[in-house]
C-alpha atoms as a PDB file:
ATOM      1  CA  MET A   1      21.612 -17.960  52.599  1.00  0.00           C
ATOM      2  CA  ARG A   2      18.859 -20.415  51.086  1.00  0.00           C
ATOM      3  CA  ILE A   3      16.507 -16.648  51.357  1.00  0.00           C
ATOM      4  CA  ILE A   4      18.839 -14.879  49.162  1.00  0.00           C
ATOM      5  CA  TYR A   5      18.999 -17.584  46.533  1.00  0.00           C
ATOM      6  CA  ILE A   6      15.288 -17.708  46.248  1.00  0.00           C
ATOM      7  CA  ILE A   7      15.427 -13.955  46.256  1.00  0.00           C
ATOM      8  CA  ILE A   8      18.077 -13.784  43.396  1.00  0.00           C
ATOM      9  CA  LEU A   9      16.532 -16.840  41.401  1.00  0.00           C
ATOM     10  CA  ILE A  10      12.986 -14.782  41.591  1.00  0.00           C
ATOM     11  CA  LEU A  11      14.443 -11.968  40.623  1.00  0.00           C
ATOM     12  CA  PHE A  12      16.115 -13.875  37.411  1.00  0.00           C
ATOM     13  CA  MET A  13      12.527 -15.372  36.386  1.00  0.00           C
ATOM     14  CA  VAL A  14      11.057 -11.679  36.335  1.00  0.00           C
ATOM     15  CA  TYR A  15      13.705 -10.615  34.308  1.00  0.00           C
ATOM     16  CA  SER A  16      13.534 -13.157  32.434  1.00  0.00           C
ATOM     17  CA  CYS A  17      10.025 -13.250  31.726  1.00  0.00           C
ATOM     18  CA  LYS A  18       9.725  -9.675  30.790  1.00  0.00           C
ATOM     19  CA  LYS A  19      12.611  -9.985  28.312  1.00  0.00           C
ATOM     20  CA  GLU A  20      10.898 -12.163  26.647  1.00  0.00           C
ATOM     21  CA  ASN A  21       7.627 -10.112  26.722  1.00  0.00           C
ATOM     22  CA  HIS A  22       9.704  -7.621  25.308  1.00  0.00           C
ATOM     23  CA  LYS A  23      10.921  -9.880  22.051  1.00  0.00           C
ATOM     24  CA  VAL A  24       7.405 -10.668  21.259  1.00  0.00           C
ATOM     25  CA  ASP A  25       6.379  -7.109  21.562  1.00  0.00           C
ATOM     26  CA  MET A  26       9.140  -6.135  19.257  1.00  0.00           C
ATOM     27  CA  LYS A  27       8.129  -8.751  16.950  1.00  0.00           C
ATOM     28  CA  ILE A  28       5.810  -7.108  13.683  1.00  0.00           C
ATOM     29  CA  GLN A  29       3.004  -8.951  12.549  1.00  0.00           C
ATOM     30  CA  LYS A  30       1.513  -7.960   9.531  1.00  0.00           C
ATOM     31  CA  GLU A  31      -1.812  -9.026  10.179  1.00  0.00           C
ATOM     32  CA  ASN A  32      -2.236  -6.772  13.199  1.00  0.00           C
ATOM     33  CA  TYR A  33      -1.872  -3.363  10.532  1.00  0.00           C
ATOM     34  CA  ASN A  34      -3.281  -2.065   7.922  1.00  0.00           C
ATOM     35  CA  PRO A  35      -1.113  -1.123   5.401  1.00  0.00           C
ATOM     36  CA  THR A  36       0.118   2.369   6.057  1.00  0.00           C
ATOM     37  CA  GLU A  37       0.932   1.382   9.238  1.00  0.00           C
ATOM     38  CA  TYR A  38       2.867  -1.736   8.034  1.00  0.00           C
ATOM     39  CA  PHE A  39       4.419  -0.022   5.718  1.00  0.00           C
ATOM     40  CA  ALA A  40       5.790   2.495   8.291  1.00  0.00           C
ATOM     41  CA  PHE A  41       7.995   0.196   9.953  1.00  0.00           C
ATOM     42  CA  PRO A  42      10.309   0.046   6.907  1.00  0.00           C
ATOM     43  CA  THR A  43       9.981   3.303   5.390  1.00  0.00           C
ATOM     44  CA  ASN A  44      11.082   5.072   8.355  1.00  0.00           C
ATOM     45  CA  ILE A  45      14.180   7.219   7.501  1.00  0.00           C
ATOM     46  CA  LYS A  46      14.983   7.771  10.513  1.00  0.00           C
ATOM     47  CA  LYS A  47      15.363   4.024  11.103  1.00  0.00           C
ATOM     48  CA  TRP A  48      17.624   3.641   8.206  1.00  0.00           C
ATOM     49  CA  LYS A  49      21.768   3.191   7.571  1.00  0.00           C
ATOM     50  CA  ASN A  50      23.471   4.320   4.944  1.00  0.00           C
ATOM     51  CA  TYR A  51      21.006   7.235   3.959  1.00  0.00           C
ATOM     52  CA  LYS A  52      21.354   9.632   0.977  1.00  0.00           C
ATOM     53  CA  GLU A  53      18.987  11.890  -0.533  1.00  0.00           C
ATOM     54  CA  ILE A  54      18.679  13.470  -3.920  1.00  0.00           C
ATOM     55  CA  ALA A  55      16.694  16.950  -5.030  1.00  0.00           C
ATOM     56  CA  VAL A  56      14.424  16.307  -7.791  1.00  0.00           C
ATOM     57  CA  ASN A  57      13.386  19.901  -7.498  1.00  0.00           C
ATOM     58  CA  ASP A  58      12.476  22.247  -4.730  1.00  0.00           C
ATOM     59  CA  SER A  59       9.234  20.341  -3.991  1.00  0.00           C
ATOM     60  CA  LEU A  60      10.660  17.020  -4.353  1.00  0.00           C
ATOM     61  CA  LYS A  61      13.462  14.525  -2.783  1.00  0.00           C
ATOM     62  CA  LYS A  62      14.869  11.005  -3.845  1.00  0.00           C
ATOM     63  CA  VAL A  63      15.793   9.259  -0.519  1.00  0.00           C
ATOM     64  CA  GLN A  64      17.048   5.775  -0.222  1.00  0.00           C
ATOM     65  CA  GLY A  65      18.837   3.710   2.658  1.00  0.00           C
ATOM     66  CA  GLU A  66      18.613   0.265   4.501  1.00  0.00           C
ATOM     67  CA  PHE A  67      16.790  -1.169   6.612  1.00  0.00           C
ATOM     68  CA  GLU A  68      17.798  -4.652   8.431  1.00  0.00           C
ATOM     69  CA  ASP A  69      18.045  -6.414   5.118  1.00  0.00           C
ATOM     70  CA  TYR A  70      16.207  -4.402   2.846  1.00  0.00           C
ATOM     71  CA  LYS A  71      17.181  -1.552   0.264  1.00  0.00           C
ATOM     72  CA  ILE A  72      14.901   1.327   0.283  1.00  0.00           C
ATOM     73  CA  GLU A  73      14.509   3.918  -2.329  1.00  0.00           C
ATOM     74  CA  GLY A  74      11.061   6.243  -2.594  1.00  0.00           C
ATOM     75  CA  TYR A  75      10.618  10.220  -2.476  1.00  0.00           C
ATOM     76  CA  ILE A  76       9.356  12.854  -0.220  1.00  0.00           C
ATOM     77  CA  ASN A  77       7.950  16.469  -0.738  1.00  0.00           C
ATOM     78  CA  GLN A  78       9.334  19.772   0.915  1.00  0.00           C
ATOM     79  CA  TYR A  79       7.440  18.392   4.255  1.00  0.00           C
ATOM     80  CA  ASN A  80       9.211  15.557   4.872  1.00  0.00           C
ATOM     81  CA  GLN A  81       5.742  13.358   3.800  1.00  0.00           C
ATOM     82  CA  LYS A  82       6.370  10.131   2.010  1.00  0.00           C
ATOM     83  CA  ILE A  83       5.025  10.237  -1.578  1.00  0.00           C
ATOM     84  CA  ASN A  84       4.833   8.507  -5.386  1.00  0.00           C
ATOM     85  CA  TRP A  85       6.606   4.848  -5.917  1.00  0.00           C
ATOM     86  CA  TRP A  86       8.702   3.425  -3.381  1.00  0.00           C
ATOM     87  CA  ASN A  87      10.557   0.261  -3.884  1.00  0.00           C
ATOM     88  CA  ILE A  88      11.507  -2.393  -0.823  1.00  0.00           C
ATOM     89  CA  VAL A  89      14.189  -4.980  -1.811  1.00  0.00           C
ATOM     90  CA  ASN A  90      15.438  -8.302   0.333  1.00  0.00           C
ATOM     91  CA  LYS A  91      19.865  -7.857  -0.517  1.00  0.00           C
ATOM     92  CA  LYS A  92      20.323 -11.412   0.830  1.00  0.00           C
ATOM     93  CA  ASN A  93      17.400 -13.385  -0.338  1.00  0.00           C
ATOM     94  CA  ILE A  94      16.116 -13.573  -3.815  1.00  0.00           C
ATOM     95  CA  GLN A  95      12.630 -15.172  -2.417  1.00  0.00           C
ATOM     96  CA  ALA A  96      11.851 -12.983   0.099  1.00  0.00           C
ATOM     97  CA  ASP A  97       8.916 -10.620   0.221  1.00  0.00           C
ATOM     98  CA  ASN A  98       9.783  -7.483  -2.014  1.00  0.00           C
ATOM     99  CA  VAL A  99       6.871  -4.626  -2.294  1.00  0.00           C
ATOM    100  CA  ARG A 100       6.226  -1.771  -4.638  1.00  0.00           C
ATOM    101  CA  LEU A 101       3.948   0.674  -2.794  1.00  0.00           C
ATOM    102  CA  GLU A 102       2.169   3.816  -3.694  1.00  0.00           C
ATOM    103  CA  TYR A 103       2.489   6.713  -1.460  1.00  0.00           C
ATOM    104  CA  ARG A 104       0.001   9.692  -1.408  1.00  0.00           C
ATOM    105  CA  ILE A 105      -1.320  12.250   0.928  1.00  0.00           C
ATOM    106  CA  VAL A 106      -4.974  11.705   2.088  1.00  0.00           C
ATOM    107  CA  ASP A 107      -6.453  14.296   4.596  1.00  0.00           C
ATOM    108  CA  ASN A 108      -2.815  16.105   4.940  1.00  0.00           C
ATOM    109  CA  LYS A 109      -1.596  12.676   6.132  1.00  0.00           C
ATOM    110  CA  GLU A 110       0.809   9.999   4.327  1.00  0.00           C
ATOM    111  CA  TYR A 111      -1.199   6.711   2.799  1.00  0.00           C
ATOM    112  CA  VAL A 112      -0.510   3.874   1.559  1.00  0.00           C
ATOM    113  CA  ASN A 113      -2.711   3.673  -2.053  1.00  0.00           C
ATOM    114  CA  GLN A 114      -1.260   0.764  -3.812  1.00  0.00           C
ATOM    115  CA  TYR A 115       1.146  -2.069  -3.249  1.00  0.00           C
ATOM    116  CA  ILE A 116       2.497  -4.710  -5.263  1.00  0.00           C
ATOM    117  CA  ASN A 117       4.203  -7.925  -3.578  1.00  0.00           C
ATOM    118  CA  TYR A 118       6.265  -9.849  -5.227  1.00  0.00           C
ATOM    119  CA  ASP A 119       9.558 -11.529  -5.766  1.00  0.00           C
ATOM    120  CA  THR A 120      12.827 -11.773  -7.879  1.00  0.00           C
ATOM    121  CA  LYS A 121      12.314 -15.519  -8.480  1.00  0.00           C
ATOM    122  CA  ASN A 122       8.333 -15.787  -9.345  1.00  0.00           C
ATOM    123  CA  GLY A 123       7.544 -12.045  -9.968  1.00  0.00           C
ATOM    124  CA  ASN A 124       4.407 -10.429  -8.991  1.00  0.00           C
ATOM    125  CA  ASP A 125       2.121 -11.962  -6.247  1.00  0.00           C
ATOM    126  CA  ILE A 126      -1.231 -10.945  -7.468  1.00  0.00           C
ATOM    127  CA  LYS A 127      -3.436 -12.440  -4.527  1.00  0.00           C
ATOM    128  CA  ASN A 128      -1.958 -10.369  -1.830  1.00  0.00           C
ATOM    129  CA  SER A 129      -1.971  -7.466  -3.838  1.00  0.00           C
ATOM    130  CA  LEU A 130      -3.801  -3.964  -4.174  1.00  0.00           C
ATOM    131  CA  PHE A 131      -3.771  -1.983  -7.352  1.00  0.00           C
ATOM    132  CA  TYR A 132      -5.092  -1.078 -10.345  1.00  0.00           C
ATOM    133  CA  LEU A 133      -4.428  -0.954 -13.623  1.00  0.00           C
ATOM    134  CA  LYS A 134      -5.562   0.865 -16.911  1.00  0.00           C
ATOM    135  CA  GLU A 135      -6.350  -0.358 -20.581  1.00  0.00           C
ATOM    136  CA  ARG A 136      -7.306   1.391 -23.514  1.00  0.00           C
ATOM    137  CA  LEU A 137     -10.456  -0.518 -25.425  1.00  0.00           C
ATOM    138  CA  ASN A 138     -10.808   1.345 -28.039  1.00  0.00           C
ATOM    139  CA  HIS A 139     -10.213   4.728 -29.289  1.00  0.00           C
ATOM    140  CA  ASN A 140     -13.231   6.253 -26.515  1.00  0.00           C
ATOM    141  CA  THR A 141     -13.307   3.769 -23.776  1.00  0.00           C
ATOM    142  CA  LEU A 142     -11.151   2.742 -21.138  1.00  0.00           C
ATOM    143  CA  ARG A 143     -10.884   0.330 -18.922  1.00  0.00           C
ATOM    144  CA  TYR A 144      -9.951   0.124 -15.046  1.00  0.00           C
ATOM    145  CA  LYS A 145      -8.891  -3.024 -13.390  1.00  0.00           C
ATOM    146  CA  PHE A 146      -8.794  -2.872  -9.537  1.00  0.00           C
ATOM    147  CA  TYR A 147      -6.901  -6.187  -7.704  1.00  0.00           C
ATOM    148  CA  ILE A 148      -7.852  -6.688  -4.320  1.00  0.00           C
ATOM    149  CA  PRO A 149      -5.806  -9.140  -1.795  1.00  0.00           C
ATOM    150  CA  ASN A 150      -7.480 -12.269  -1.392  1.00  0.00           C
ATOM    151  CA  LYS A 151      -6.316 -14.454   1.091  1.00  0.00           C
ATOM    152  CA  LYS A 152      -9.267 -16.204   2.274  1.00  0.00           C
ATOM    153  CA  ILE A 153     -12.385 -16.866   0.137  1.00  0.00           C
ATOM    154  CA  LYS A 154     -14.831 -14.472  -0.206  1.00  0.00           C
ATOM    155  CA  VAL A 155     -18.833 -15.377   0.327  1.00  0.00           C
ATOM    156  CA  ASN A 156     -20.259 -11.981  -0.232  1.00  0.00           C
ATOM    157  CA  THR A 157     -18.387  -8.524  -2.392  1.00  0.00           C
ATOM    158  CA  SER A 158     -19.586  -5.619  -3.601  1.00  0.00           C
ATOM    159  CA  ALA A 159     -17.178  -2.356  -6.085  1.00  0.00           C
ATOM    160  CA  THR A 160     -18.309   0.519  -6.938  1.00  0.00           C
ATOM    161  CA  ILE A 161     -16.202   3.572  -7.963  1.00  0.00           C
ATOM    162  CA  PHE A 162     -16.658   7.481  -7.873  1.00  0.00           C
ATOM    163  CA  LEU A 163     -15.193   9.422 -10.427  1.00  0.00           C
ATOM    164  CA  SER A 164     -14.802  13.179 -11.497  1.00  0.00           C
ATOM    165  CA  PHE A 165     -13.357  14.575 -14.568  1.00  0.00           C
ATOM    166  CA  PHE A 166     -11.860  17.631 -14.121  1.00  0.00           C
ATOM    167  CA  LEU A 167     -10.212  20.328 -17.187  1.00  0.00           C
ATOM    168  CA  ASN A 168      -8.887  23.367 -16.301  1.00  0.00           C
ATOM    169  CA  ASN A 169      -9.257  22.316 -12.382  1.00  0.00           C
ATOM    170  CA  LYS A 170     -12.964  22.878 -13.021  1.00  0.00           C
ATOM    171  CA  GLU A 171     -15.253  19.347 -12.388  1.00  0.00           C
ATOM    172  CA  ILE A 172     -16.781  18.896 -15.778  1.00  0.00           C
ATOM    173  CA  ARG A 173     -18.570  15.360 -14.980  1.00  0.00           C
ATOM    174  CA  LYS A 174     -19.276  12.829 -12.473  1.00  0.00           C
ATOM    175  CA  GLU A 175     -19.595   9.018 -12.416  1.00  0.00           C
ATOM    176  CA  ASP A 176     -21.025   6.310  -9.812  1.00  0.00           C
ATOM    177  CA  LEU A 177     -20.304   3.259 -11.097  1.00  0.00           C
ATOM    178  CA  LYS A 178     -21.063  -0.409 -10.192  1.00  0.00           C
ATOM    179  CA  CYS A 179     -17.687  -2.651 -10.996  1.00  0.00           C
ATOM    180  CA  VAL A 180     -17.828  -5.970 -12.646  1.00  0.00           C
ATOM    181  CA  LYS A 181     -15.538  -8.951 -10.688  1.00  0.00           C
ATOM    182  CA  LYS A 182     -13.753 -10.928 -13.236  1.00  0.00           C
ATOM    183  CA  ASN A 183     -11.025 -13.831 -11.774  1.00  0.00           C
ATOM    184  CA  ASN A 184      -9.250 -11.989  -9.097  1.00  0.00           C
ATOM    185  CA  TYR A 185      -9.898  -8.656 -10.247  1.00  0.00           C
ATOM    186  CA  TYR A 186     -12.911  -6.107 -10.559  1.00  0.00           C
ATOM    187  CA  TYR A 187     -12.883  -3.623 -13.817  1.00  0.00           C
ATOM    188  CA  VAL A 188     -15.386  -0.621 -14.964  1.00  0.00           C
ATOM    189  CA  ASP A 189     -15.024   0.534 -18.614  1.00  0.00           C
ATOM    190  CA  VAL A 190     -15.450   4.773 -18.692  1.00  0.00           C
ATOM    191  CA  ASN A 191     -16.914   5.596 -22.000  1.00  0.00           C
ATOM    192  CA  TYR A 192     -15.757   9.577 -22.903  1.00  0.00           C
ATOM    193  CA  VAL A 193     -15.591  11.745 -26.057  1.00  0.00           C
ATOM    194  CA  ASP A 194     -11.593  12.259 -26.750  1.00  0.00           C
ATOM    195  CA  THR A 195     -11.455  15.953 -27.396  1.00  0.00           C
ATOM    196  CA  GLY A 196      -7.479  16.300 -26.837  1.00  0.00           C
ATOM    197  CA  ASP A 197      -8.135  17.879 -23.886  1.00  0.00           C
ATOM    198  CA  ASN A 198      -5.838  17.021 -20.923  1.00  0.00           C
ATOM    199  CA  ILE A 199      -9.066  16.000 -18.762  1.00  0.00           C
ATOM    200  CA  ILE A 200      -7.845  14.581 -15.350  1.00  0.00           C
ATOM    201  CA  VAL A 201      -9.584  11.786 -13.673  1.00  0.00           C
ATOM    202  CA  LYS A 202      -9.748  11.785  -9.665  1.00  0.00           C
ATOM    203  CA  GLY A 203     -11.717   8.414  -8.290  1.00  0.00           C
ATOM    204  CA  LEU A 204     -12.489   6.394  -5.164  1.00  0.00           C
ATOM    205  CA  PHE A 205     -12.740   2.344  -5.466  1.00  0.00           C
ATOM    206  CA  GLU A 206     -14.201   0.412  -3.210  1.00  0.00           C
ATOM    207  CA  GLU A 207     -14.920  -3.327  -2.237  1.00  0.00           C
ATOM    208  CA  GLY A 208     -16.865  -4.223   0.446  1.00  0.00           C
ATOM    209  CA  TYR A 209     -16.496  -7.837   1.703  1.00  0.00           C
ATOM    210  CA  GLU A 210     -17.694 -10.533   3.782  1.00  0.00           C
ATOM    211  CA  TYR A 211     -16.124 -13.643   4.824  1.00  0.00           C
ATOM    212  CA  ASP A 212     -17.802 -17.099   5.852  1.00  0.00           C
ATOM    213  CA  ASP A 213     -16.674 -16.476   9.220  1.00  0.00           C
ATOM    214  CA  GLY A 214     -18.534 -13.215   9.397  1.00  0.00           C
ATOM    215  CA  GLU A 215     -15.878 -10.962   9.050  1.00  0.00           C
ATOM    216  CA  MET A 216     -16.392  -7.944   7.086  1.00  0.00           C
ATOM    217  CA  GLY A 217     -14.024  -5.313   5.393  1.00  0.00           C
ATOM    218  CA  LEU A 218     -13.321  -2.511   3.002  1.00  0.00           C
ATOM    219  CA  ASN A 219     -10.529  -1.975   0.396  1.00  0.00           C
ATOM    220  CA  GLU A 220     -10.089   0.904  -1.345  1.00  0.00           C
ATOM    221  CA  ILE A 221      -7.795   2.547  -4.076  1.00  0.00           C
ATOM    222  CA  TYR A 222      -7.583   6.382  -4.505  1.00  0.00           C
ATOM    223  CA  VAL A 223      -7.118   6.866  -8.683  1.00  0.00           C
ATOM    224  CA  LEU A 224      -5.311   9.745 -10.121  1.00  0.00           C
ATOM    225  CA  ASP A 225      -5.220   9.136 -13.953  1.00  0.00           C
ATOM    226  CA  THR A 226      -5.491  11.529 -17.143  1.00  0.00           C
ATOM    227  CA  LEU A 227      -7.740  10.069 -20.286  1.00  0.00           C
ATOM    228  CA  LYS A 228      -5.008  10.550 -22.834  1.00  0.00           C
END
């Protein structure tokens, strides 16, 4: 009888350990994932409740649903790939982490290009967000501002942007520019002659950085814009 009791006790302990390890594995740690991997969890339509979709046109659908305590809405293309801006909002806690994020297709894969963290009480959390804004300085000058996460103090940083300009699907100009750091963002000024044409701007912003512990990394934002 004592042997049977010991065997049952051992089996119970093994089961408890496995169950506990399973709980740890299931917990999603934001720091363990890049943005595309991390946001793939709540935006996984297959995991949603109360799923709804509305056809915008032949190649675009607006979708919405619920994931845990969050209400989520966004867009998918005809290939069921997530594109454009999405919104993830906590339904119960006004001070919970919410996010607006932009999905783009890069090399035929879904890619989180920008994300803006916020809560409905305090507004945007710029320090932990990644996005860009455009500001018109005058008739022929645009300024792009790039906000990048600053969770830790960076000892070395450098940022550049490569831009291509297109008219009627033909590339008419290229620029490789160094960005200037100011407060919590980088900026670059783009000069152009306003001809009234619908010129498309495509680009890639890159920030290389190093922390004081030697860790190095890279932040990227793809730009898609017009000069109008």
